[in-house]
Protein backbone atom coordinates (compact mmCIF):
# COMPACT_ATOMS: atom_id res chain seq x y z
CA MET A 1 -34.19 -2.99 -13.28
CA ASN A 2 -37.70 -5.00 -12.19
CA LYS A 3 -39.89 -2.24 -13.00
CA SER A 4 -41.45 -1.43 -16.14
CA PRO A 5 -44.24 0.46 -17.00
CA ALA A 6 -46.02 0.13 -20.23
CA THR A 7 -46.18 2.76 -22.55
CA SER A 8 -44.98 3.80 -26.26
CA ALA A 9 -41.74 3.91 -26.94
CA ASN A 10 -38.78 6.58 -26.63
CA PRO A 11 -37.95 9.15 -26.92
CA LYS A 12 -41.69 10.71 -28.00
CA PRO A 13 -41.98 13.92 -30.32
CA ILE A 14 -42.59 17.05 -28.34
CA ASP A 15 -45.98 18.80 -28.90
CA SER A 16 -44.56 22.43 -27.61
CA PRO A 17 -41.69 23.76 -26.99
CA PRO A 18 -41.02 23.43 -22.73
CA GLN A 19 -41.25 26.76 -21.10
CA SER A 20 -40.66 25.34 -17.10
CA TYR A 21 -38.25 22.82 -16.06
CA TRP A 22 -37.00 20.96 -12.63
CA VAL A 23 -33.52 18.87 -12.70
CA GLU A 24 -33.40 16.04 -10.22
CA THR A 25 -29.59 15.20 -9.07
CA LEU A 26 -28.59 11.99 -7.88
CA GLY A 27 -24.84 11.11 -6.66
CA CYS A 28 -21.77 12.77 -6.33
CA PRO A 29 -20.90 16.22 -6.74
CA LYS A 30 -19.55 16.25 -10.16
CA ASN A 31 -22.91 15.16 -10.92
CA GLN A 32 -24.42 18.65 -9.52
CA VAL A 33 -21.64 20.86 -11.18
CA ASP A 34 -23.07 18.80 -14.60
CA SER A 35 -26.79 19.70 -13.14
CA GLU A 36 -26.02 23.32 -12.79
CA LYS A 37 -24.60 23.13 -16.40
CA ILE A 38 -27.97 21.83 -17.87
CA GLU A 39 -30.15 24.43 -16.28
CA SER A 40 -27.66 27.24 -17.51
CA GLY A 41 -28.33 26.31 -20.90
CA PHE A 42 -32.08 25.76 -20.18
CA ARG A 43 -31.94 29.58 -18.77
CA SER A 44 -29.83 30.58 -21.72
CA ALA A 45 -32.93 29.01 -23.76
CA GLY A 46 -35.54 31.12 -21.95
CA LEU A 47 -36.89 28.35 -19.79
CA LYS A 48 -37.68 29.26 -16.12
CA LYS A 49 -37.05 26.52 -12.99
CA ALA A 50 -40.62 25.63 -11.71
CA GLY A 51 -41.39 25.65 -8.07
CA SER A 52 -41.34 21.76 -8.37
CA ALA A 53 -41.12 18.71 -10.72
CA SER A 54 -44.62 18.40 -10.69
CA GLN A 55 -45.04 22.22 -12.19
CA ALA A 56 -42.21 21.75 -14.76
CA ASP A 57 -42.85 20.83 -18.81
CA LEU A 58 -39.73 19.66 -18.96
CA ILE A 59 -38.11 16.97 -16.11
CA VAL A 60 -34.37 16.07 -16.28
CA VAL A 61 -33.38 13.43 -14.08
CA ASN A 62 -29.53 13.22 -13.75
CA THR A 63 -28.68 9.71 -12.25
CA CYS A 64 -25.40 8.32 -10.77
CA ALA A 65 -24.35 4.76 -11.26
CA PHE A 66 -21.47 3.79 -9.01
CA ILE A 67 -22.87 1.16 -7.16
CA GLN A 68 -26.03 -0.59 -7.17
CA GLU A 69 -27.40 1.29 -4.47
CA ALA A 70 -27.13 3.72 -6.44
CA ARG A 71 -28.47 2.48 -9.53
CA GLU A 72 -31.66 1.45 -7.66
CA GLU A 73 -32.39 4.72 -5.96
CA SER A 74 -31.98 6.08 -9.60
CA ILE A 75 -34.55 3.90 -10.90
CA ASP A 76 -36.66 4.90 -7.51
CA VAL A 77 -36.31 8.65 -8.50
CA ILE A 78 -37.19 7.99 -12.02
CA PHE A 79 -40.41 6.85 -11.32
CA GLU A 80 -41.44 9.52 -8.57
CA MET A 81 -40.72 12.01 -11.48
CA VAL A 82 -43.08 9.58 -13.59
CA GLU A 83 -46.00 9.84 -10.97
CA GLN A 84 -45.45 13.52 -10.15
CA LYS A 85 -45.67 15.15 -13.91
CA LYS A 86 -48.24 16.79 -15.05
CA SER A 87 -50.07 15.81 -18.09
CA GLY A 88 -48.19 17.00 -21.30
CA SER A 89 -44.66 17.37 -19.46
CA LYS A 90 -41.78 15.63 -20.51
CA ILE A 91 -38.74 13.23 -19.02
CA ALA A 92 -35.21 12.97 -19.73
CA VAL A 93 -33.11 10.78 -18.32
CA THR A 94 -29.30 11.57 -18.39
CA GLY A 95 -25.90 11.02 -16.38
CA CYS A 96 -24.01 7.99 -15.30
CA MET A 97 -26.64 5.35 -15.37
CA ALA A 98 -27.99 6.65 -18.69
CA GLU A 99 -24.56 6.92 -20.27
CA ARG A 100 -23.48 3.30 -19.18
CA TYR A 101 -27.39 1.42 -19.92
CA THR A 102 -28.36 3.39 -22.43
CA LYS A 103 -29.64 0.42 -24.36
CA GLU A 104 -31.25 -0.71 -21.45
CA LEU A 105 -33.52 1.96 -19.94
CA ARG A 106 -34.42 2.81 -23.61
CA SER A 107 -36.06 -0.58 -23.79
CA GLU A 108 -37.37 -0.83 -20.19
CA LEU A 109 -38.57 2.81 -19.05
CA LYS A 110 -41.39 3.10 -21.62
CA GLU A 111 -42.67 6.57 -19.97
CA VAL A 112 -39.34 8.68 -20.42
CA ASP A 113 -39.47 10.48 -23.34
CA LEU A 114 -35.24 10.97 -23.78
CA VAL A 115 -32.41 8.96 -22.34
CA GLY A 116 -29.45 10.29 -23.14
CA GLY A 117 -25.57 10.39 -22.02
CA PHE A 118 -23.71 12.91 -20.96
CA GLY A 119 -24.07 16.07 -22.65
CA THR A 120 -26.79 15.12 -24.81
CA ASP A 121 -28.53 18.02 -26.19
CA ILE A 122 -31.89 17.93 -24.64
CA LEU A 123 -33.78 20.66 -25.58
CA LYS A 124 -32.30 19.92 -29.45
CA VAL A 125 -33.59 16.54 -29.44
CA LEU A 126 -36.95 17.25 -28.22
CA GLU A 127 -37.48 20.26 -30.44
CA THR A 128 -36.44 18.32 -33.72
CA ASN A 129 -39.45 16.08 -32.77
CA HIS A 130 -37.21 12.70 -33.02
CA SER A 131 -38.96 9.39 -32.40
CA ALA A 132 -37.37 5.95 -31.61
CA SER A 133 -38.70 4.56 -34.69
CA LYS A 134 -36.51 7.62 -36.57
CA ILE A 135 -33.05 7.04 -34.36
CA GLY A 136 -33.11 3.47 -33.60
CA ILE A 137 -31.29 2.11 -30.99
CA SER A 138 -28.29 1.40 -32.88
CA LYS A 139 -27.92 5.77 -33.64
CA ILE A 140 -27.76 6.35 -29.88
CA ALA A 141 -24.95 7.69 -30.15
CA LYS A 142 -25.53 10.40 -33.01
CA LEU A 143 -27.91 12.18 -30.53
CA PRO A 144 -26.80 16.21 -30.58
CA LYS A 145 -24.52 16.63 -27.93
CA LEU A 146 -22.58 19.53 -26.02
CA ASP A 147 -19.62 19.24 -24.33
CA LEU A 148 -20.50 19.54 -20.77
CA LEU A 149 -17.16 19.35 -19.26
CA ASN A 150 -16.01 22.74 -20.55
CA LEU A 151 -19.73 24.47 -20.49
CA THR A 152 -19.46 27.13 -17.79
CA ARG A 153 -22.29 28.02 -15.90
CA VAL A 154 -22.66 31.63 -16.85
CA ASP A 155 -25.81 32.83 -16.46
CA LEU A 156 -26.52 30.99 -13.05
CA LYS A 157 -25.77 32.82 -9.67
CA PRO A 158 -25.29 30.44 -6.91
CA LYS A 159 -27.48 30.83 -3.89
CA GLN A 160 -25.20 29.86 -1.54
CA PRO A 161 -21.42 31.62 -1.53
CA TRP A 162 -19.66 28.13 -3.07
CA ALA A 163 -19.62 26.09 -6.27
CA TYR A 164 -17.85 22.61 -7.07
CA ILE A 165 -16.05 23.31 -9.98
CA LYS A 166 -15.01 20.24 -12.25
CA VAL A 167 -11.48 20.65 -13.57
CA ALA A 168 -11.20 17.33 -15.30
CA GLU A 169 -13.26 14.37 -16.65
CA GLY A 170 -12.67 10.64 -16.51
CA CYS A 171 -9.57 8.75 -15.36
CA ASP A 172 -6.75 6.75 -16.38
CA LYS A 173 -6.98 4.12 -13.44
CA ASN A 174 -8.15 0.86 -13.55
CA CYS A 175 -9.12 0.26 -10.00
CA GLY A 176 -10.89 -3.28 -9.88
CA PHE A 177 -14.09 -2.36 -8.34
CA CYS A 178 -14.79 0.81 -10.58
CA ALA A 179 -16.49 1.12 -13.64
CA ILE A 180 -16.01 4.63 -14.30
CA PRO A 181 -13.27 4.53 -16.65
CA SER A 182 -15.60 2.06 -19.25
CA PHE A 183 -18.43 4.83 -19.50
CA ARG A 184 -16.92 8.42 -18.37
CA GLY A 185 -13.70 7.77 -20.19
CA ARG A 186 -9.75 8.40 -20.28
CA GLN A 187 -9.04 11.93 -18.57
CA VAL A 188 -9.63 15.01 -19.96
CA SER A 189 -8.32 18.25 -17.94
CA ARG A 190 -9.64 21.57 -18.52
CA THR A 191 -7.52 24.30 -19.12
CA PRO A 192 -6.53 26.87 -16.66
CA GLU A 193 -8.16 29.62 -18.29
CA ALA A 194 -11.45 27.89 -18.76
CA ILE A 195 -11.58 27.15 -15.07
CA PHE A 196 -10.30 30.38 -13.78
CA ASP A 197 -13.10 32.05 -16.34
CA GLU A 198 -15.95 29.76 -14.88
CA ILE A 199 -14.83 31.03 -10.90
CA SER A 200 -14.50 34.77 -12.13
CA ARG A 201 -18.03 34.48 -13.37
CA LEU A 202 -19.64 32.61 -10.52
CA LYS A 203 -18.44 35.39 -8.02
CA ILE A 204 -17.88 32.98 -5.07
CA LYS A 205 -16.15 32.68 -1.74
CA GLU A 206 -15.33 29.21 -1.61
CA ALA A 207 -14.35 26.89 -5.02
CA ILE A 208 -14.16 23.40 -4.32
CA LEU A 209 -12.33 21.26 -7.05
CA VAL A 210 -13.19 17.92 -8.11
CA ALA A 211 -12.61 15.42 -10.08
CA GLN A 212 -12.22 11.67 -10.43
CA ASP A 213 -8.81 11.79 -10.16
CA ILE A 214 -7.86 15.27 -9.54
CA GLY A 215 -4.41 14.68 -8.53
CA SER A 216 -3.48 13.49 -12.51
CA TYR A 217 -4.88 16.82 -13.45
CA GLY A 218 -3.21 18.21 -16.63
CA LYS A 219 -1.49 15.39 -17.44
CA ASP A 220 -3.00 15.12 -20.73
CA LEU A 221 -2.41 18.76 -21.25
CA GLU A 222 0.14 20.35 -23.68
CA GLY A 223 2.69 22.80 -22.19
CA ASP A 224 4.41 22.85 -19.69
CA LYS A 225 3.25 20.33 -17.22
CA ALA A 226 5.70 20.84 -14.17
CA ASN A 227 4.48 24.79 -13.81
CA ASN A 228 1.54 25.47 -15.53
CA TYR A 229 -1.22 22.41 -15.64
CA ASN A 230 -0.79 20.58 -12.08
CA LEU A 231 -2.56 20.67 -9.44
CA ARG A 232 -0.64 22.26 -7.33
CA HIS A 233 -0.58 25.25 -9.42
CA LEU A 234 -4.02 25.66 -10.21
CA TYR A 235 -4.90 25.16 -6.56
CA GLU A 236 -1.91 28.34 -5.80
CA MET A 237 -3.49 30.50 -8.66
CA ILE A 238 -7.42 29.94 -7.67
CA SER A 239 -6.52 30.87 -4.21
CA GLN A 240 -5.44 34.26 -5.50
CA MET A 241 -9.48 34.61 -6.97
CA VAL A 242 -11.31 33.10 -4.10
CA GLU A 243 -10.86 33.31 -0.23
CA TRP A 244 -11.18 29.44 0.10
CA VAL A 245 -9.90 26.47 -2.07
CA ARG A 246 -11.18 22.76 -1.19
CA VAL A 247 -10.16 19.88 -3.12
CA PHE A 248 -11.84 16.56 -3.05
CA TYR A 249 -11.05 13.20 -4.08
CA ILE A 250 -7.23 13.15 -3.71
CA TYR A 251 -5.19 9.48 -4.31
CA PRO A 252 -2.26 9.79 -1.63
CA THR A 253 0.28 9.23 -4.26
CA ASN A 254 -0.54 12.52 -5.86
CA LEU A 255 -0.51 13.93 -2.26
CA THR A 256 3.33 15.00 -2.64
CA GLY A 257 5.34 17.42 -0.20
CA SER A 258 4.77 21.12 -2.11
CA LEU A 259 0.67 20.42 -2.37
CA ILE A 260 0.77 19.25 1.11
CA GLU A 261 2.52 22.38 2.11
CA LEU A 262 0.10 24.59 0.39
CA MET A 263 -2.80 22.82 1.36
CA ALA A 264 -1.83 22.47 5.22
CA GLU A 265 -0.80 26.38 5.48
CA GLY A 266 -3.50 27.35 3.81
CA PRO A 267 -6.84 29.09 5.42
CA VAL A 268 -8.65 25.71 4.41
CA PRO A 269 -6.15 22.64 5.54
CA TYR A 270 -9.27 19.88 4.48
CA PHE A 271 -7.53 17.05 3.00
CA ASP A 272 -10.12 14.00 1.01
CA LEU A 273 -7.92 11.30 0.72
CA SER A 274 -9.24 8.38 -1.85
CA LEU A 275 -8.23 5.45 0.38
CA GLN A 276 -10.56 3.26 0.03
CA HIS A 277 -9.33 0.35 2.27
CA ALA A 278 -6.16 0.11 5.10
CA SER A 279 -5.03 -3.57 4.44
CA PRO A 280 -2.16 -3.88 1.80
CA ALA A 281 -3.56 -7.19 1.09
CA VAL A 282 -6.90 -5.79 -0.32
CA LEU A 283 -5.65 -2.68 -1.79
CA ARG A 284 -3.53 -4.83 -4.10
CA ARG A 285 -6.70 -6.86 -5.17
CA MET A 286 -8.44 -3.56 -6.16
CA ARG A 287 -5.16 -2.77 -7.99
CA ARG A 288 -4.40 0.05 -5.56
CA TYR A 289 -1.46 1.78 -3.49
CA GLY A 290 -0.88 1.82 0.22
CA SER A 291 -0.95 0.52 3.36
CA MET A 292 -2.09 1.15 7.19
CA GLU A 293 1.53 2.31 7.67
CA LYS A 294 1.65 4.35 4.68
CA PHE A 295 -1.44 6.40 4.67
CA LEU A 296 -0.64 7.04 8.65
CA GLU A 297 2.87 8.03 7.94
CA LYS A 298 1.15 10.50 5.18
CA ILE A 299 -1.33 11.72 7.68
CA ASN A 300 1.09 12.43 10.33
CA ALA A 301 3.24 14.68 8.31
CA ILE A 302 -0.07 16.80 7.61
CA ARG A 303 -0.51 16.88 11.26
CA THR A 304 3.05 18.05 11.63
CA LEU A 305 2.50 20.88 9.44
CA ASN A 306 -1.08 21.81 10.96
CA PRO A 307 -1.96 19.70 13.97
CA ASN A 308 -5.64 21.48 13.43
CA ALA A 309 -6.14 19.93 9.85
CA ALA A 310 -9.05 18.11 9.02
CA PHE A 311 -9.37 14.49 7.08
CA ARG A 312 -12.10 13.02 4.98
CA THR A 313 -12.09 9.72 2.92
CA SER A 314 -14.14 6.65 2.35
CA PHE A 315 -13.94 2.98 2.36
CA LEU A 316 -15.34 0.21 0.60
CA ILE A 317 -16.17 -2.91 2.73
CA GLY A 318 -16.51 -6.35 1.62
CA TYR A 319 -14.09 -6.29 -1.51
CA PRO A 320 -13.79 -10.19 -3.03
CA GLY A 321 -11.28 -11.75 -0.51
CA GLU A 322 -11.32 -9.68 2.44
CA THR A 323 -10.36 -11.13 5.30
CA GLU A 324 -11.29 -10.48 9.37
CA GLU A 325 -7.54 -9.90 9.47
CA ASP A 326 -8.23 -7.45 6.94
CA GLN A 327 -10.91 -6.08 8.93
CA ASP A 328 -8.71 -6.10 12.18
CA ILE A 329 -6.40 -3.73 10.09
CA LEU A 330 -8.98 -1.17 9.04
CA LEU A 331 -10.49 -1.09 12.60
CA GLN A 332 -6.83 -0.57 13.73
CA PHE A 333 -6.16 2.04 10.94
CA VAL A 334 -9.38 4.10 11.69
CA ARG A 335 -8.86 3.99 15.84
CA GLU A 336 -5.05 5.30 15.08
CA ALA A 337 -5.77 7.67 11.88
CA ARG A 338 -8.54 9.72 13.86
CA LEU A 339 -10.24 10.90 10.72
CA ASP A 340 -12.78 13.47 11.14
CA TRP A 341 -15.14 12.34 8.47
CA VAL A 342 -15.68 9.09 6.89
CA GLY A 343 -17.99 7.54 4.39
CA PHE A 344 -18.49 3.94 4.25
CA PHE A 345 -19.64 1.67 1.45
CA THR A 346 -20.37 -1.99 1.04
CA PHE A 347 -18.80 -3.66 -1.93
CA SER A 348 -21.67 -4.63 -5.17
CA THR A 349 -20.04 -6.13 -8.54
CA GLU A 350 -20.06 -3.59 -10.86
CA LYS A 351 -19.96 -5.59 -14.83
CA GLY A 352 -16.84 -5.55 -16.90
CA THR A 353 -14.52 -4.76 -13.76
CA LEU A 354 -11.47 -7.29 -12.29
CA ALA A 355 -13.68 -7.69 -8.89
CA GLU A 356 -16.17 -9.33 -11.26
CA SER A 357 -13.75 -12.37 -11.73
CA LEU A 358 -12.32 -12.43 -8.57
CA SER A 359 -13.19 -15.89 -6.13
CA HIS A 360 -13.97 -15.44 -2.46
CA GLN A 361 -16.95 -13.37 -2.79
CA VAL A 362 -17.76 -11.94 0.74
CA ALA A 363 -21.50 -12.58 1.39
CA HIS A 364 -23.61 -8.83 1.84
CA GLU A 365 -24.92 -9.71 5.08
CA LEU A 366 -21.28 -10.19 6.57
CA ALA A 367 -19.91 -7.15 4.48
CA LEU A 368 -23.25 -4.95 6.42
CA GLU A 369 -21.84 -6.63 9.96
CA ARG A 370 -18.03 -5.57 8.92
CA LEU A 371 -19.61 -2.11 7.86
CA ARG A 372 -21.42 -1.27 11.08
CA GLU A 373 -18.32 -2.78 13.31
CA VAL A 374 -16.07 -0.16 11.46
CA LYS A 375 -18.52 2.57 11.34
CA ALA A 376 -19.73 2.56 14.88
CA VAL A 377 -15.70 2.99 15.95
CA GLN A 378 -15.38 6.33 13.24
CA ASP A 379 -18.55 7.76 14.66
CA GLU A 380 -17.31 7.52 18.05
CA ILE A 381 -14.40 9.36 16.70
CA THR A 382 -16.15 12.10 14.54
CA LEU A 383 -18.31 12.72 17.78
CA GLU A 384 -15.49 13.26 20.30
CA LYS A 385 -13.43 15.29 17.91
CA ARG A 386 -16.48 17.42 17.35
CA ASN A 387 -17.51 18.06 20.88
CA SER A 388 -13.58 18.75 21.38
CA LEU A 389 -14.03 21.70 19.62
CA ILE A 390 -16.72 23.43 22.38
CA GLY A 391 -15.36 26.45 23.41
CA SER A 392 -13.25 27.23 20.44
CA ARG A 393 -13.50 30.53 18.30
CA LEU A 394 -13.28 30.02 14.25
CA THR A 395 -13.54 31.64 11.36
CA ALA A 396 -16.74 30.70 9.28
CA LEU A 397 -18.15 31.42 6.11
CA ALA A 398 -22.08 31.79 6.50
CA ASP A 399 -24.09 29.87 3.79
CA THR A 400 -27.13 31.38 5.16
CA LYS A 401 -28.56 33.62 7.69
CA SER A 402 -28.43 30.61 10.46
CA THR A 403 -25.44 28.19 9.46
CA ALA A 404 -22.37 28.72 8.73
CA ARG A 405 -19.07 26.37 7.88
CA SER A 406 -15.52 26.24 9.48
CA PHE A 407 -12.72 24.87 7.12
CA ARG A 408 -13.48 21.64 8.72
CA GLU A 409 -17.00 20.96 6.97
CA ALA A 410 -17.83 20.78 3.37
CA PRO A 411 -20.72 21.70 2.07
CA ASP A 412 -23.78 19.24 1.59
CA ILE A 413 -21.67 16.37 3.19
CA ASP A 414 -19.94 17.17 6.31
CA GLY A 415 -21.96 18.60 9.64
CA LEU A 416 -22.43 22.64 10.12
CA ILE A 417 -22.09 25.23 12.40
CA LYS A 418 -25.65 26.77 13.47
CA ILE A 419 -25.55 29.98 14.24
CA ASP A 420 -27.95 31.10 17.47
CA GLU A 421 -28.92 34.71 17.75
CA GLN A 422 -31.65 33.59 20.33
CA ILE A 423 -28.94 31.16 22.97
CA GLU A 424 -31.54 29.40 25.15
CA ASP A 425 -30.13 29.24 28.83
CA ARG A 426 -28.99 25.46 28.22
CA TYR A 427 -26.12 26.32 26.02
CA VAL A 428 -25.19 29.13 28.43
CA LYS A 429 -22.76 28.05 31.13
CA THR A 430 -22.74 31.57 32.79
CA PRO A 431 -25.67 33.00 34.67
CA GLN A 432 -26.40 35.57 32.07
CA PRO A 433 -27.95 34.14 28.62
CA TYR A 434 -26.87 35.59 25.58
CA ARG A 435 -29.33 37.06 23.69
CA GLY A 436 -27.22 37.58 20.20
CA SER A 437 -25.13 40.13 19.23
CA GLY A 438 -27.08 42.11 17.53
CA MET A 439 -25.50 41.41 13.76
CA VAL A 440 -27.57 40.45 11.03
CA THR A 441 -25.33 37.41 9.34
CA LYS A 442 -25.32 37.89 5.70
CA PRO A 443 -24.83 34.77 3.34
CA GLY A 444 -20.90 34.93 2.06
CA GLU A 445 -19.82 36.42 5.08
CA PHE A 446 -16.58 35.26 7.07
CA ILE A 447 -17.38 35.52 10.36
CA GLU A 448 -16.13 34.74 13.83
CA VAL A 449 -17.95 32.58 16.22
CA GLU A 450 -17.72 30.35 19.42
CA ILE A 451 -18.86 27.26 19.92
CA ILE A 452 -20.99 26.54 22.61
CA ASP A 453 -22.54 23.12 22.21
CA SER A 454 -23.19 20.24 19.55
CA GLN A 455 -26.18 18.65 18.42
CA GLY A 456 -24.88 15.21 16.72
CA VAL A 457 -22.31 16.19 14.22
CA ASP A 458 -23.60 19.82 13.88
CA LEU A 459 -22.12 22.34 16.25
CA ILE A 460 -24.05 25.54 18.13
CA ALA A 461 -22.58 28.77 17.98
CA LYS A 462 -22.80 32.45 18.51
CA ARG A 463 -21.60 34.93 16.53
CA LEU A 464 -18.69 37.37 17.89
């Protein structure tokens, strides 16, 4: 961190209980789930959500610390909130970065009232008028805590017909580039009953299951692991509760026959695979499984069951020891796999990981050059696949009156479908322009649409 505002130590005593709050969330969907649970607790305590951060009595920044870029963004947002807050309001920092760098943040962010890791009972801490001199740096772990994983969003009605459902926390894997196990801990799975209860309370149409290593769900639970405590069974049971089930972050080794069949033959044949690279040499140094050939074999097996299946993954570019030959293998894989969606990240050294000690570090500029090269190939593939849908008819879930998604689009991550009730002449290939179906689209409604054009990764559709 290179910013250090100078005021008193933290956390400061609160002058009066907050009446309103604002939560700023950074990072992945797992963080979004945590934020919604934090909000639920605030609302249960009688607080109301403010119209903006500048109007809130209490501002919470839920940070991300996955890579250097995410940490820098978290710091920037914290300072933005400091600038925006009104006089007398409080700022609390939580999430991954607060968990991993508690002491450093408490020392350097003097204008922040509280820095607390996962599950810190923010209201309780502020309510009891703790001061830095009273609790001391060495007693940070003794701040009041909540079981954030098992808190349910009992009073928070989603504005959209979908919700991310965190089914486990932590990770037992030891990937060479990842520090998550060091601050998230070993895997802890929620019981199926707790997950089912949360979904039933949310009253959603689509449940999106997330975890650090979702394919290992249930391995730490006691009981009949083969039948009751695994991802396949969980997927099957939730499919009886909601119309759509989507799964994020599956390691290829966890994606086996019966689960593949269940997902491929279901209404959401969407496969989010945790690949990271395609070169076996790079994957070995990452302490990961796989190769281009093995990944293609699995993808082709899924497409044999369902040729329309959609795929998403992400790749880490510039891992120590990565060569031009490794880059060529990745490029070849991207061209042959023809995935729908791919995210690309450049490697950044994480303290305490295997990668920190590896030789042959790749220069950042070279990693960026390689990222741009492979991203250009994938961008072209993504646009081709999106344009190929023009003229097709799809079932879509309406998120708003004017936007929807088919099974191919995960919310807030992929493209979307824009429902145009007043289609312009340029979208229509027939002499008579389409002037709307006359039907009002309601959020949460499943509708039939015809794709008539595209705008980048987004599709333009008319409702049938």
